[in-house]
Amino acid sequence: MKARAFAGIPSQYSNKETAKVILQSIPYDGTSTWGKGADKGFEAFLDAAENMELYDIETDSQVYKNGIFIPDAWTNFDSPEDMFESTYHKTKALLNTEKFLTFFGGEHSVSIGVIKAFYEKYENMTVLQLDAHADLRPEYEGSKYNHACALYDASKNCNLIQVGIRSMDFAEKEHMDYYKTYFADEIKYTESWFDESINQMTDQVYITIDLDVFDPSIMPATGTPEPGGLHWYLVTNYLRKVFEEKNVVGFDIVELAPIDYLHNPQYLVAKLYYKLLSYKFLS
């Protein structure tokens, strides 16, 4: 996959040496079990970003001027295990650049190696997961690196906080910390849980966003869209508060599976990515 400039920004802002942000694509879709297409998400996201205004009204900022560099995509994995090992080691190398690292899937299994590299660098790190699914299986379909296992390793090695959950297997209950899990049906109409969850976070926070956290009425383009999800302003208001109160050390966005002739999902994702950068550099 040929690298492109995010949102068509001028070359002075997409230069590897001067950009403060790295946007790394990992278009892997090897273990998804129902809707396929997450390997096509990054190109659709970039297409949408090229049609997006680069002035953010909420933060009164143009965050692209901090520079966003897109390296070559990480591809050609032989197995889920190979994908994990490769993304883990490559993320460790990127962490040496001291740039702000952002990642784009692919399915949610791409986050396993990325998060491991981060928690090895940042002691006592919190992982904030926004997701419809718990993703806490120790293994699934013969692999520990299946998308259904995306947060199991983090649950054993990090301070994991889960937001928006509304689907899980019975066996995942033993791996879930219910005091740090915010189910969609309990939170989707209120912000009263913002402070409680943020108070549970350590100083350093990594955010992983599975797009199925959103309600399928606004985000149908995912592998397993679950009814009863969260809406735009609840999610963005919450994330802004997280960025304001904690040091967000990186984030990923996963599971965009484009639908032919339907453009609004990838436009939402482009706006979401840009919002997160706006919050980061505003804070």
Protein backbone atom coordinates (compact mmCIF):
# COMPACT_ATOMS: atom_id res chain seq x y z
CA MET A 1 0.00 0.00 0.00
CA LYS A 2 1.53 3.31 -1.08
CA ALA A 3 1.84 5.93 1.64
CA ARG A 4 -0.30 9.04 1.26
CA ALA A 5 -0.50 12.37 3.06
CA PHE A 6 -3.24 12.57 5.66
CA ALA A 7 -6.07 14.81 4.42
CA GLY A 8 -3.89 15.95 1.54
CA ILE A 9 -1.87 18.22 3.82
CA PRO A 10 1.13 20.00 2.27
CA SER A 11 4.44 18.16 2.24
CA GLN A 12 5.88 20.50 4.85
CA TYR A 13 3.42 18.96 7.33
CA SER A 14 3.73 15.33 6.23
CA ASN A 15 7.51 15.09 6.45
CA LYS A 16 8.96 12.18 8.42
CA GLU A 17 11.68 14.21 10.10
CA THR A 18 9.60 17.14 11.32
CA ALA A 19 6.14 15.60 11.91
CA LYS A 20 5.20 15.20 15.57
CA VAL A 21 2.63 12.47 14.80
CA ILE A 22 3.02 9.07 13.16
CA LEU A 23 -0.08 7.47 11.65
CA GLN A 24 0.73 3.79 11.19
CA SER A 25 -1.58 1.57 9.17
CA ILE A 26 -1.90 -2.15 10.01
CA PRO A 27 -4.47 -3.42 7.47
CA TYR A 28 -4.71 -6.95 8.86
CA ASP A 29 -8.02 -8.84 8.69
CA GLY A 30 -6.88 -12.42 9.20
CA THR A 31 -9.03 -13.57 12.15
CA SER A 32 -12.33 -11.70 11.78
CA THR A 33 -15.18 -14.18 11.96
CA TRP A 34 -18.15 -12.46 10.37
CA GLY A 35 -18.02 -9.22 8.41
CA LYS A 36 -14.75 -8.89 6.49
CA GLY A 37 -13.21 -5.75 5.04
CA ALA A 38 -11.21 -4.11 7.86
CA ASP A 39 -8.12 -4.42 5.68
CA LYS A 40 -9.76 -1.86 3.35
CA GLY A 41 -10.52 0.64 6.10
CA PHE A 42 -7.40 2.79 5.96
CA GLU A 43 -7.76 3.78 2.31
CA ALA A 44 -11.43 4.66 2.84
CA PHE A 45 -10.46 6.69 5.91
CA LEU A 46 -7.83 8.62 3.94
CA ASP A 47 -10.28 9.28 1.11
CA ALA A 48 -12.76 10.75 3.61
CA ALA A 49 -10.07 12.82 5.34
CA GLU A 50 -9.25 14.54 2.05
CA ASN A 51 -12.79 15.97 2.07
CA MET A 52 -12.68 17.18 5.69
CA GLU A 53 -12.16 20.74 6.92
CA LEU A 54 -8.86 21.04 8.80
CA TYR A 55 -9.98 23.77 11.16
CA ASP A 56 -11.53 22.25 14.30
CA ILE A 57 -14.24 24.55 15.67
CA GLU A 58 -14.38 22.99 19.13
CA THR A 59 -10.67 23.46 19.92
CA ASP A 60 -10.14 26.50 17.67
CA SER A 61 -7.10 24.77 16.22
CA GLN A 62 -5.49 23.38 13.06
CA VAL A 63 -3.68 20.41 14.53
CA TYR A 64 -2.29 19.17 11.21
CA LYS A 65 0.34 21.92 11.46
CA ASN A 66 2.09 19.77 14.08
CA GLY A 67 2.81 17.36 11.23
CA ILE A 68 1.36 13.90 10.50
CA PHE A 69 3.58 11.34 8.80
CA ILE A 70 2.25 8.10 7.29
CA PRO A 71 4.89 5.36 6.95
CA ASP A 72 4.47 2.30 4.76
CA ALA A 73 1.74 -0.03 6.00
CA TRP A 74 2.63 -3.13 8.00
CA THR A 75 1.48 -6.05 5.85
CA ASN A 76 2.21 -9.59 4.61
CA PHE A 77 1.80 -11.54 7.83
CA ASP A 78 1.90 -15.34 7.63
CA SER A 79 -0.30 -15.99 10.69
CA PRO A 80 -1.88 -14.25 13.70
CA GLU A 81 1.25 -15.13 15.66
CA ASP A 82 3.47 -13.56 13.00
CA MET A 83 1.27 -10.47 12.98
CA PHE A 84 1.60 -10.13 16.76
CA GLU A 85 5.37 -10.54 16.79
CA SER A 86 5.87 -8.14 13.91
CA THR A 87 3.63 -5.38 15.25
CA TYR A 88 5.11 -5.74 18.73
CA HIS A 89 8.73 -5.34 17.59
CA LYS A 90 7.95 -2.61 15.08
CA THR A 91 6.02 -0.64 17.70
CA LYS A 92 8.97 -0.92 20.10
CA ALA A 93 11.14 0.61 17.40
CA LEU A 94 8.66 3.43 16.77
CA LEU A 95 8.56 4.22 20.48
CA ASN A 96 12.23 5.16 20.23
CA THR A 97 11.33 8.02 17.87
CA GLU A 98 9.61 9.96 20.69
CA LYS A 99 6.86 10.98 18.30
CA PHE A 100 3.16 10.69 19.17
CA LEU A 101 2.15 7.29 17.82
CA THR A 102 -1.28 6.52 16.38
CA PHE A 103 -2.35 3.27 14.71
CA PHE A 104 -5.14 2.32 12.32
CA GLY A 105 -6.43 -1.21 11.76
CA GLY A 106 -7.34 -3.67 10.51
CA GLU A 107 -9.20 -5.77 12.97
CA HIS A 108 -8.76 -5.42 16.73
CA SER A 109 -6.12 -8.13 17.03
CA VAL A 110 -3.55 -5.62 15.71
CA SER A 111 -3.75 -3.86 19.07
CA ILE A 112 -2.31 -6.77 21.08
CA GLY A 113 1.32 -6.32 20.07
CA VAL A 114 1.05 -2.53 19.99
CA ILE A 115 -0.29 -2.38 23.55
CA LYS A 116 2.36 -4.80 24.81
CA ALA A 117 5.11 -2.55 23.45
CA PHE A 118 3.51 0.45 25.14
CA TYR A 119 3.03 -1.14 28.58
CA GLU A 120 6.63 -2.32 28.55
CA LYS A 121 7.71 1.30 28.08
CA TYR A 122 5.17 2.99 30.36
CA GLU A 123 5.08 1.40 33.81
CA ASN A 124 1.63 1.13 35.41
CA MET A 125 -0.11 2.19 32.19
CA THR A 126 -3.88 2.33 31.81
CA VAL A 127 -5.54 0.96 28.69
CA LEU A 128 -8.85 2.64 27.94
CA GLN A 129 -10.91 0.42 25.64
CA LEU A 130 -13.98 1.79 23.85
CA ASP A 131 -15.73 -1.21 22.34
CA ALA A 132 -18.99 -3.10 21.98
CA HIS A 133 -17.26 -6.38 22.83
CA ALA A 134 -15.27 -7.41 25.88
CA ASP A 135 -12.54 -9.13 23.80
CA LEU A 136 -11.26 -10.96 26.89
CA ARG A 137 -10.99 -14.53 25.61
CA PRO A 138 -7.59 -16.08 26.42
CA GLU A 139 -7.72 -17.69 22.98
CA TYR A 140 -10.21 -18.18 20.17
CA GLU A 141 -10.19 -20.54 17.20
CA GLY A 142 -6.81 -21.86 18.25
CA SER A 143 -4.96 -18.55 18.62
CA LYS A 144 -4.17 -16.10 21.44
CA TYR A 145 -3.97 -13.39 18.79
CA ASN A 146 -7.52 -13.52 17.49
CA HIS A 147 -9.61 -10.34 17.44
CA ALA A 148 -11.75 -11.86 20.22
CA CYS A 149 -8.63 -11.87 22.44
CA ALA A 150 -7.65 -8.26 21.76
CA LEU A 151 -7.65 -7.07 25.39
CA TYR A 152 -6.93 -10.28 27.30
CA ASP A 153 -3.19 -9.63 27.59
CA ALA A 154 -3.82 -6.02 28.58
CA SER A 155 -6.25 -7.15 31.27
CA LYS A 156 -3.44 -9.13 32.92
CA ASN A 157 -0.67 -6.53 32.52
CA CYS A 158 -2.35 -3.11 32.58
CA ASN A 159 -5.00 -1.13 34.37
CA LEU A 160 -7.80 -1.89 31.89
CA ILE A 161 -10.95 0.23 31.77
CA GLN A 162 -13.69 -0.87 29.39
CA VAL A 163 -16.36 1.49 28.04
CA GLY A 164 -19.39 0.78 25.87
CA ILE A 165 -19.45 -3.00 26.32
CA ARG A 166 -22.69 -4.69 25.32
CA SER A 167 -21.68 -8.14 24.06
CA MET A 168 -19.54 -10.87 25.62
CA ASP A 169 -19.19 -14.60 26.14
CA PHE A 170 -20.01 -16.12 29.53
CA ALA A 171 -16.42 -17.38 29.87
CA GLU A 172 -15.10 -13.80 29.71
CA LYS A 173 -16.73 -12.92 33.02
CA GLU A 174 -13.83 -14.34 35.04
CA HIS A 175 -11.41 -11.98 33.29
CA MET A 176 -13.53 -8.83 33.60
CA ASP A 177 -13.14 -6.25 36.36
CA TYR A 178 -16.74 -5.13 36.79
CA TYR A 179 -15.70 -2.08 38.83
CA LYS A 180 -13.84 -0.79 35.78
CA THR A 181 -16.38 -1.81 33.13
CA TYR A 182 -18.96 0.68 31.92
CA PHE A 183 -21.71 -1.10 30.03
CA ALA A 184 -23.44 0.77 27.21
CA ASP A 185 -26.94 0.44 28.62
CA GLU A 186 -25.82 2.09 31.87
CA ILE A 187 -23.97 5.07 30.38
CA LYS A 188 -25.25 5.96 26.93
CA TYR A 189 -27.55 8.78 28.07
CA THR A 190 -25.44 10.33 30.82
CA GLU A 191 -22.01 11.76 31.58
CA SER A 192 -22.06 11.03 35.31
CA TRP A 193 -19.61 8.14 34.85
CA PHE A 194 -16.92 10.34 33.26
CA ASP A 195 -15.24 11.33 36.51
CA GLU A 196 -15.53 7.88 38.09
CA SER A 197 -13.77 6.15 35.22
CA ILE A 198 -11.10 8.85 34.82
CA ASN A 199 -10.33 8.69 38.54
CA GLN A 200 -9.59 4.98 38.06
CA MET A 201 -6.91 5.75 35.46
CA THR A 202 -3.19 6.03 36.10
CA ASP A 203 -1.26 9.00 34.75
CA GLN A 204 -0.30 7.37 31.42
CA VAL A 205 -3.19 6.22 29.22
CA TYR A 206 -3.29 4.33 25.93
CA ILE A 207 -6.64 4.41 24.12
CA THR A 208 -7.92 1.65 21.85
CA ILE A 209 -11.14 2.34 19.96
CA ASP A 210 -13.09 -0.38 18.22
CA LEU A 211 -15.53 1.55 16.04
CA ASP A 212 -18.37 -0.78 16.96
CA VAL A 213 -18.53 1.13 20.25
CA PHE A 214 -20.67 3.58 18.27
CA ASP A 215 -24.30 2.83 17.59
CA PRO A 216 -24.71 1.17 14.17
CA SER A 217 -27.12 3.94 13.17
CA ILE A 218 -24.05 6.17 12.79
CA MET A 219 -21.35 3.50 12.38
CA PRO A 220 -22.68 0.49 10.45
CA ALA A 221 -19.35 -0.22 8.73
CA THR A 222 -17.84 -2.67 11.20
CA GLY A 223 -17.46 -6.43 11.24
CA THR A 224 -19.97 -6.99 14.05
CA PRO A 225 -22.25 -3.98 14.56
CA GLU A 226 -24.06 -4.27 17.89
CA PRO A 227 -27.33 -2.41 18.63
CA GLY A 228 -27.47 0.00 21.53
CA GLY A 229 -24.14 1.77 21.04
CA LEU A 230 -22.82 5.19 21.97
CA HIS A 231 -23.25 8.41 20.04
CA TRP A 232 -20.86 11.05 18.76
CA TYR A 233 -20.97 13.78 21.40
CA LEU A 234 -20.97 11.41 24.35
CA VAL A 235 -17.81 9.73 23.03
CA THR A 236 -16.00 12.92 22.02
CA ASN A 237 -16.91 14.80 25.22
CA TYR A 238 -15.58 11.88 27.25
CA LEU A 239 -12.38 11.55 25.27
CA ARG A 240 -11.66 15.27 25.50
CA LYS A 241 -11.89 15.04 29.27
CA VAL A 242 -9.52 12.05 29.29
CA PHE A 243 -6.97 14.00 27.23
CA GLU A 244 -7.33 17.03 29.49
CA GLU A 245 -6.77 15.12 32.72
CA LYS A 246 -4.34 12.36 31.71
CA ASN A 247 -1.26 11.94 29.54
CA VAL A 248 -2.49 9.99 26.55
CA VAL A 249 0.64 8.27 25.23
CA GLY A 250 -0.89 6.83 22.04
CA PHE A 251 -4.06 5.42 20.52
CA ASP A 252 -5.43 3.12 17.87
CA ILE A 253 -8.66 2.99 15.87
CA VAL A 254 -9.75 -0.37 14.47
CA GLU A 255 -12.50 -2.30 12.68
CA LEU A 256 -13.58 0.09 9.93
CA ALA A 257 -14.96 -2.21 7.22
CA PRO A 258 -16.20 0.08 4.43
CA ILE A 259 -19.58 -0.42 2.79
CA ASP A 260 -19.78 0.29 -0.94
CA TYR A 261 -21.38 3.65 -1.78
CA LEU A 262 -21.83 4.57 1.90
CA HIS A 263 -19.40 7.33 2.84
CA ASN A 264 -20.54 8.63 6.21
CA PRO A 265 -18.86 5.93 8.37
CA GLN A 266 -15.36 6.68 7.14
CA TYR A 267 -16.03 10.40 7.36
CA LEU A 268 -16.98 9.91 11.01
CA VAL A 269 -13.70 8.06 11.55
CA ALA A 270 -11.67 10.78 9.85
CA LYS A 271 -13.30 13.39 12.09
CA LEU A 272 -12.75 11.20 15.15
CA TYR A 273 -9.04 10.75 14.41
CA TYR A 274 -8.61 14.46 13.88
CA LYS A 275 -10.53 15.24 17.08
CA LEU A 276 -8.21 13.01 19.10
CA LEU A 277 -5.14 14.77 17.73
CA SER A 278 -6.78 18.14 18.41
CA TYR A 279 -7.40 17.15 22.02
CA LYS A 280 -3.86 15.81 22.42
CA PHE A 281 -2.09 18.94 21.25
CA LEU A 282 -4.56 21.29 22.93
CA SER A 283 -3.83 19.56 26.22
